């Protein structure tokens, strides 16, 4: 064992898949997709982002978009989320199809910068 101190990067967010996907609509009432997963801070237990699933057919061809929670409003009557940004902006944002990126501070900053919101500080939760 080395006596040198090494800095080990730990992913501070865990992906919690949603068993029964919640629907997501636009402000105009059009169906956008669904919440596929929540990104949960391991230290605080607070959800920082929702990962939206858009497109696809029979589970194939879906794309996943991380969205800061401040851009979603929950409608408890209809049990769904309403995305507060334009769908075109959402579809142009950070996303992936097959392999999810490492959701570290740099990626959270990239997502926040694209949407023009404050970045979540992942070190404090």
C-alpha atoms as a PDB file:
ATOM      1  CA  UNK A   1       0.000   0.000   0.000  1.00  0.00           C
ATOM      2  CA  UNK A   2       1.360   3.389  -0.991  1.00  0.00           C
ATOM      3  CA  UNK A   3       1.866   6.133   1.554  1.00  0.00           C
ATOM      4  CA  UNK A   4       1.085   8.765  -1.086  1.00  0.00           C
ATOM      5  CA  UNK A   5      -2.277  10.414  -0.734  1.00  0.00           C
ATOM      6  CA  UNK A   6      -4.379   9.847  -3.820  1.00  0.00           C
ATOM      7  CA  UNK A   7      -7.487  11.729  -4.747  1.00  0.00           C
ATOM      8  CA  UNK A   8     -10.176   9.318  -5.824  1.00  0.00           C
ATOM      9  CA  UNK A   9     -13.039  10.745  -7.832  1.00  0.00           C
ATOM     10  CA  UNK A  10     -16.343   9.342  -6.676  1.00  0.00           C
ATOM     11  CA  UNK A  11     -19.510   9.756  -8.655  1.00  0.00           C
ATOM     12  CA  UNK A  12     -21.714  11.701  -6.265  1.00  0.00           C
ATOM     13  CA  UNK A  13     -24.990  10.984  -8.036  1.00  0.00           C
ATOM     14  CA  UNK A  14     -26.779   7.671  -8.306  1.00  0.00           C
ATOM     15  CA  UNK A  15     -29.344   6.942 -10.993  1.00  0.00           C
ATOM     16  CA  UNK A  16     -32.646   5.751  -9.566  1.00  0.00           C
ATOM     17  CA  UNK A  17     -34.797   4.278 -12.320  1.00  0.00           C
ATOM     18  CA  UNK A  18     -38.498   5.018 -12.080  1.00  0.00           C
ATOM     19  CA  UNK A  19     -40.489   1.778 -11.991  1.00  0.00           C
ATOM     20  CA  UNK A  20     -43.636   3.288 -13.477  1.00  0.00           C
ATOM     21  CA  UNK A  21     -42.544   6.117 -15.706  1.00  0.00           C
ATOM     22  CA  UNK A  22     -44.210   9.443 -15.087  1.00  0.00           C
ATOM     23  CA  UNK A  23     -45.488  11.230 -18.168  1.00  0.00           C
ATOM     24  CA  UNK A  24     -44.035  14.569 -19.206  1.00  0.00           C
ATOM     25  CA  UNK A  25     -46.027  17.153 -21.142  1.00  0.00           C
ATOM     26  CA  UNK A  26     -45.162  20.491 -22.698  1.00  0.00           C
ATOM     27  CA  UNK A  27     -46.732  23.725 -21.466  1.00  0.00           C
ATOM     28  CA  UNK A  28     -49.174  23.341 -24.385  1.00  0.00           C
ATOM     29  CA  UNK A  29     -50.341  19.911 -23.217  1.00  0.00           C
ATOM     30  CA  UNK A  30     -48.469  17.874 -25.840  1.00  0.00           C
ATOM     31  CA  UNK A  31     -46.905  14.636 -24.623  1.00  0.00           C
ATOM     32  CA  UNK A  32     -43.111  15.026 -24.620  1.00  0.00           C
ATOM     33  CA  UNK A  33     -41.985  11.731 -23.105  1.00  0.00           C
ATOM     34  CA  UNK A  34     -41.589  10.295 -19.639  1.00  0.00           C
ATOM     35  CA  UNK A  35     -39.322  10.413 -16.601  1.00  0.00           C
ATOM     36  CA  UNK A  36     -36.988   7.454 -16.994  1.00  0.00           C
ATOM     37  CA  UNK A  37     -34.851   8.035 -13.909  1.00  0.00           C
ATOM     38  CA  UNK A  38     -33.952  10.485 -11.167  1.00  0.00           C
ATOM     39  CA  UNK A  39     -30.389  11.515 -10.395  1.00  0.00           C
ATOM     40  CA  UNK A  40     -30.072  11.368  -6.612  1.00  0.00           C
ATOM     41  CA  UNK A  41     -27.221  12.904  -4.615  1.00  0.00           C
ATOM     42  CA  UNK A  42     -25.676  10.102  -2.564  1.00  0.00           C
ATOM     43  CA  UNK A  43     -24.896  12.305   0.434  1.00  0.00           C
ATOM     44  CA  UNK A  44     -28.100  14.304   0.779  1.00  0.00           C
ATOM     45  CA  UNK A  45     -30.615  11.959  -0.865  1.00  0.00           C
ATOM     46  CA  UNK A  46     -31.924  14.950  -2.861  1.00  0.00           C
ATOM     47  CA  UNK A  47     -32.880  14.522  -6.511  1.00  0.00           C
ATOM     48  CA  UNK A  48     -31.009  17.013  -8.655  1.00  0.00           C
ATOM     49  CA  UNK A  49     -32.118  16.043 -12.168  1.00  0.00           C
ATOM     50  CA  UNK A  50     -34.812  14.074 -13.917  1.00  0.00           C
ATOM     51  CA  UNK A  51     -33.693  11.976 -16.866  1.00  0.00           C
ATOM     52  CA  UNK A  52     -36.374  12.229 -19.523  1.00  0.00           C
ATOM     53  CA  UNK A  53     -36.936   9.514 -22.111  1.00  0.00           C
ATOM     54  CA  UNK A  54     -38.052  10.793 -25.498  1.00  0.00           C
ATOM     55  CA  UNK A  55     -38.883   9.033 -28.726  1.00  0.00           C
ATOM     56  CA  UNK A  56     -38.360   5.423 -29.563  1.00  0.00           C
ATOM     57  CA  UNK A  57     -40.691   2.601 -30.407  1.00  0.00           C
ATOM     58  CA  UNK A  58     -41.160  -0.574 -28.344  1.00  0.00           C
ATOM     59  CA  UNK A  59     -38.223   0.374 -26.142  1.00  0.00           C
ATOM     60  CA  UNK A  60     -35.802   0.952 -29.028  1.00  0.00           C
ATOM     61  CA  UNK A  61     -34.404   4.219 -30.323  1.00  0.00           C
ATOM     62  CA  UNK A  62     -35.035   6.222 -27.169  1.00  0.00           C
ATOM     63  CA  UNK A  63     -32.913   9.201 -26.247  1.00  0.00           C
ATOM     64  CA  UNK A  64     -32.315  10.337 -22.679  1.00  0.00           C
ATOM     65  CA  UNK A  65     -32.147  13.969 -21.586  1.00  0.00           C
ATOM     66  CA  UNK A  66     -31.051  15.122 -18.118  1.00  0.00           C
ATOM     67  CA  UNK A  67     -33.095  18.087 -16.969  1.00  0.00           C
ATOM     68  CA  UNK A  68     -32.628  20.138 -13.791  1.00  0.00           C
ATOM     69  CA  UNK A  69     -35.713  19.824 -11.593  1.00  0.00           C
ATOM     70  CA  UNK A  70     -36.290  23.575 -11.624  1.00  0.00           C
ATOM     71  CA  UNK A  71     -37.414  23.204 -15.266  1.00  0.00           C
ATOM     72  CA  UNK A  72     -40.206  20.798 -14.334  1.00  0.00           C
ATOM     73  CA  UNK A  73     -43.481  21.412 -12.548  1.00  0.00           C
ATOM     74  CA  UNK A  74     -45.367  18.496 -11.034  1.00  0.00           C
ATOM     75  CA  UNK A  75     -49.119  18.364 -11.624  1.00  0.00           C
ATOM     76  CA  UNK A  76     -50.491  16.216  -8.758  1.00  0.00           C
ATOM     77  CA  UNK A  77     -54.012  16.120 -10.195  1.00  0.00           C
ATOM     78  CA  UNK A  78     -52.887  14.531 -13.463  1.00  0.00           C
ATOM     79  CA  UNK A  79     -49.835  12.790 -11.899  1.00  0.00           C
ATOM     80  CA  UNK A  80     -47.370  14.090 -14.481  1.00  0.00           C
ATOM     81  CA  UNK A  81     -44.624  16.642 -14.985  1.00  0.00           C
ATOM     82  CA  UNK A  82     -44.880  19.711 -17.192  1.00  0.00           C
ATOM     83  CA  UNK A  83     -41.630  20.836 -18.774  1.00  0.00           C
ATOM     84  CA  UNK A  84     -41.337  24.625 -18.627  1.00  0.00           C
ATOM     85  CA  UNK A  85     -39.038  25.031 -21.647  1.00  0.00           C
ATOM     86  CA  UNK A  86     -39.677  24.711 -25.345  1.00  0.00           C
ATOM     87  CA  UNK A  87     -39.492  21.160 -26.715  1.00  0.00           C
ATOM     88  CA  UNK A  88     -36.982  22.223 -29.393  1.00  0.00           C
ATOM     89  CA  UNK A  89     -34.646  23.511 -26.690  1.00  0.00           C
ATOM     90  CA  UNK A  90     -35.017  20.249 -24.788  1.00  0.00           C
ATOM     91  CA  UNK A  91     -34.305  18.119 -27.873  1.00  0.00           C
ATOM     92  CA  UNK A  92     -31.185  20.194 -28.629  1.00  0.00           C
ATOM     93  CA  UNK A  93     -29.792  19.733 -25.136  1.00  0.00           C
ATOM     94  CA  UNK A  94     -27.293  17.301 -23.659  1.00  0.00           C
ATOM     95  CA  UNK A  95     -28.446  13.731 -24.233  1.00  0.00           C
ATOM     96  CA  UNK A  96     -27.401  10.169 -24.907  1.00  0.00           C
ATOM     97  CA  UNK A  97     -28.874   7.135 -26.639  1.00  0.00           C
ATOM     98  CA  UNK A  98     -26.879   4.111 -25.502  1.00  0.00           C
ATOM     99  CA  UNK A  99     -24.203   4.892 -22.942  1.00  0.00           C
ATOM    100  CA  UNK A 100     -24.945   7.381 -20.187  1.00  0.00           C
ATOM    101  CA  UNK A 101     -22.133   9.835 -19.456  1.00  0.00           C
ATOM    102  CA  UNK A 102     -20.440  10.057 -16.077  1.00  0.00           C
ATOM    103  CA  UNK A 103     -22.725  12.477 -14.277  1.00  0.00           C
ATOM    104  CA  UNK A 104     -20.034  14.434 -12.459  1.00  0.00           C
ATOM    105  CA  UNK A 105     -19.744  18.138 -11.617  1.00  0.00           C
ATOM    106  CA  UNK A 106     -18.463  18.993 -15.106  1.00  0.00           C
ATOM    107  CA  UNK A 107     -21.455  17.292 -16.755  1.00  0.00           C
ATOM    108  CA  UNK A 108     -23.915  18.904 -14.309  1.00  0.00           C
ATOM    109  CA  UNK A 109     -22.320  22.277 -15.119  1.00  0.00           C
ATOM    110  CA  UNK A 110     -22.682  21.586 -18.866  1.00  0.00           C
ATOM    111  CA  UNK A 111     -26.379  20.734 -18.461  1.00  0.00           C
ATOM    112  CA  UNK A 112     -27.011  23.831 -16.317  1.00  0.00           C
ATOM    113  CA  UNK A 113     -25.122  26.071 -18.746  1.00  0.00           C
ATOM    114  CA  UNK A 114     -27.144  24.815 -21.715  1.00  0.00           C
ATOM    115  CA  UNK A 115     -30.447  25.527 -19.957  1.00  0.00           C
ATOM    116  CA  UNK A 116     -29.268  28.807 -18.390  1.00  0.00           C
ATOM    117  CA  UNK A 117     -29.883  27.746 -14.793  1.00  0.00           C
ATOM    118  CA  UNK A 118     -27.672  27.590 -11.709  1.00  0.00           C
ATOM    119  CA  UNK A 119     -25.580  24.458 -11.492  1.00  0.00           C
ATOM    120  CA  UNK A 120     -26.138  22.082  -8.611  1.00  0.00           C
ATOM    121  CA  UNK A 121     -23.059  21.840  -6.396  1.00  0.00           C
ATOM    122  CA  UNK A 122     -22.571  18.084  -6.288  1.00  0.00           C
ATOM    123  CA  UNK A 123     -19.968  18.211  -3.532  1.00  0.00           C
ATOM    124  CA  UNK A 124     -22.483  19.554  -1.003  1.00  0.00           C
ATOM    125  CA  UNK A 125     -25.671  18.021  -2.372  1.00  0.00           C
END
